Amino acid sequence: MDRPEQNVRITISDEDAQKFLERLATDDDFRAELEQNPAAVLRDHGIELLQPENVPETVTLPPKDDIDAYLAPTRTRAFGGVHGWLGFAILYYVLGAMPLVVTEDDGSG
C-alpha cells in the first residue's frame, strides 16, 4: 500500500503552539504579519508547509474572539508534548478547513 504524501511538518510544541494562538487572539501586528506572509510565519514557528506553492500568498484570519473562545478550555491544561494537536489548530485557523490525513510512522519509510 502506498503511503500518503506528507504536506506539512509540524515541530512546534503544544506550549509554543498555544502561545502562537494566544498571539492570534490578542496581537494585531502579529496577525497582520501572518495574513501577509503565512508560509514564512508558519515556517518560522515550526510549521513547514512542504508544498508552499499550494499556500495562498495572503490569508484572512478569523476574528480574535473566535480564537480566544477556542483557547478558553486549553488554558487550564498543562502541555508538555511535541507534535501535538495545537499545531493542527494553527493550520485550521490560518488556512481554514482542509483535507488532513494523519498516519503513524511504522518505521518502514
Protein backbone atom coordinates (compact mmCIF):
# COMPACT_ATOMS: atom_id res chain seq x y z
CA MET A 1 0.00 0.00 0.00
CA ASP A 2 1.35 3.42 -0.94
CA ARG A 3 1.80 5.89 1.87
CA PRO A 4 0.11 9.27 1.53
CA GLU A 5 2.37 12.19 0.66
CA GLN A 6 3.33 14.36 3.60
CA ASN A 7 2.38 18.01 3.03
CA VAL A 8 3.27 19.56 6.37
CA ARG A 9 5.93 19.06 9.01
CA ILE A 10 4.95 20.24 12.49
CA THR A 11 7.74 20.60 15.02
CA ILE A 12 6.12 23.24 17.24
CA SER A 13 5.45 22.07 20.79
CA ASP A 14 1.95 22.35 22.22
CA GLU A 15 3.20 25.02 24.63
CA ASP A 16 4.60 27.15 21.79
CA ALA A 17 1.52 26.48 19.66
CA GLN A 18 -0.68 27.72 22.49
CA LYS A 19 1.43 30.90 22.71
CA PHE A 20 1.10 31.30 18.92
CA LEU A 21 -2.68 31.00 19.14
CA GLU A 22 -2.77 33.41 22.11
CA ARG A 23 -0.95 35.94 19.92
CA LEU A 24 -3.54 35.41 17.18
CA ALA A 25 -6.22 36.20 19.74
CA THR A 26 -4.54 39.39 21.00
CA ASP A 27 -1.73 40.78 18.83
CA ASP A 28 -2.85 42.85 15.82
CA ASP A 29 0.71 43.29 14.47
CA PHE A 30 1.36 39.52 14.57
CA ARG A 31 -1.99 38.85 12.89
CA ALA A 32 -1.17 41.35 10.13
CA GLU A 33 2.26 39.78 9.55
CA LEU A 34 0.73 36.30 9.36
CA GLU A 35 -2.03 37.43 6.99
CA GLN A 36 0.53 38.98 4.62
CA ASN A 37 3.09 36.14 4.64
CA PRO A 38 1.54 32.94 6.02
CA ALA A 39 4.07 30.41 4.71
CA ALA A 40 7.09 32.25 6.14
CA VAL A 41 5.50 33.00 9.53
CA LEU A 42 4.34 29.41 9.93
CA ARG A 43 7.79 28.11 8.95
CA ASP A 44 9.45 30.46 11.45
CA HIS A 45 7.26 28.96 14.17
CA GLY A 46 7.81 25.27 13.42
CA ILE A 47 5.10 24.56 10.87
CA GLU A 48 6.65 23.88 7.49
CA LEU A 49 4.37 23.53 4.51
CA LEU A 50 6.19 21.15 2.20
CA GLN A 51 4.31 22.38 -0.85
CA PRO A 52 4.34 26.15 -0.29
CA GLU A 53 3.12 26.74 -3.83
CA ASN A 54 -0.27 25.46 -2.60
CA VAL A 55 -0.46 28.07 0.18
CA PRO A 56 -2.18 31.35 -0.61
CA GLU A 57 0.07 34.41 -0.66
CA THR A 58 -2.21 36.09 1.87
CA VAL A 59 -4.87 34.79 4.25
CA THR A 60 -7.73 36.26 6.23
CA LEU A 61 -7.77 35.15 9.85
CA PRO A 62 -10.96 34.56 11.82
CA PRO A 63 -11.91 37.14 14.46
CA LYS A 64 -9.76 37.28 17.59
CA ASP A 65 -12.81 36.37 19.70
CA ASP A 66 -13.23 33.06 17.84
CA ILE A 67 -9.64 32.05 18.56
CA ASP A 68 -9.93 33.20 22.17
CA ALA A 69 -13.09 31.10 22.63
CA TYR A 70 -11.27 28.06 21.23
CA LEU A 71 -8.38 28.61 23.64
CA ALA A 72 -10.51 29.08 26.77
CA PRO A 73 -10.59 25.38 27.77
CA THR A 74 -6.89 24.87 26.95
CA ARG A 75 -5.79 27.47 29.49
CA THR A 76 -6.40 25.04 32.33
CA ARG A 77 -4.26 22.25 30.83
CA ALA A 78 -0.51 21.73 31.01
CA PHE A 79 1.12 20.81 27.71
CA GLY A 80 4.48 19.10 27.51
CA GLY A 81 4.38 17.16 24.25
CA VAL A 82 5.78 17.88 20.84
CA HIS A 83 3.90 17.36 17.57
CA GLY A 84 0.57 17.75 19.34
CA TRP A 85 -2.85 18.76 18.24
CA LEU A 86 -2.44 22.52 18.74
CA GLY A 87 -0.16 22.70 15.70
CA PHE A 88 -3.06 21.44 13.62
CA ALA A 89 -5.31 24.06 15.24
CA ILE A 90 -2.94 26.74 13.94
CA LEU A 91 -3.23 25.35 10.43
CA TYR A 92 -7.00 25.34 10.73
CA TYR A 93 -7.16 28.96 11.83
CA VAL A 94 -4.64 30.15 9.24
CA LEU A 95 -5.62 28.10 6.20
CA GLY A 96 -9.17 27.04 7.05
CA ALA A 97 -10.65 23.60 6.70
CA MET A 98 -8.55 21.34 4.52
CA PRO A 99 -8.10 17.64 3.90
CA LEU A 100 -5.88 16.04 6.50
CA VAL A 101 -4.55 12.51 6.63
CA VAL A 102 -2.71 11.52 9.78
CA THR A 103 -0.60 8.40 9.61
CA GLU A 104 1.62 6.68 12.12
CA ASP A 105 5.24 6.11 11.22
CA ASP A 106 5.75 2.35 11.08
CA GLY A 107 9.49 2.74 10.58
CA SER A 108 9.44 1.32 7.06
CA GLY A 109 9.92 4.52 5.13
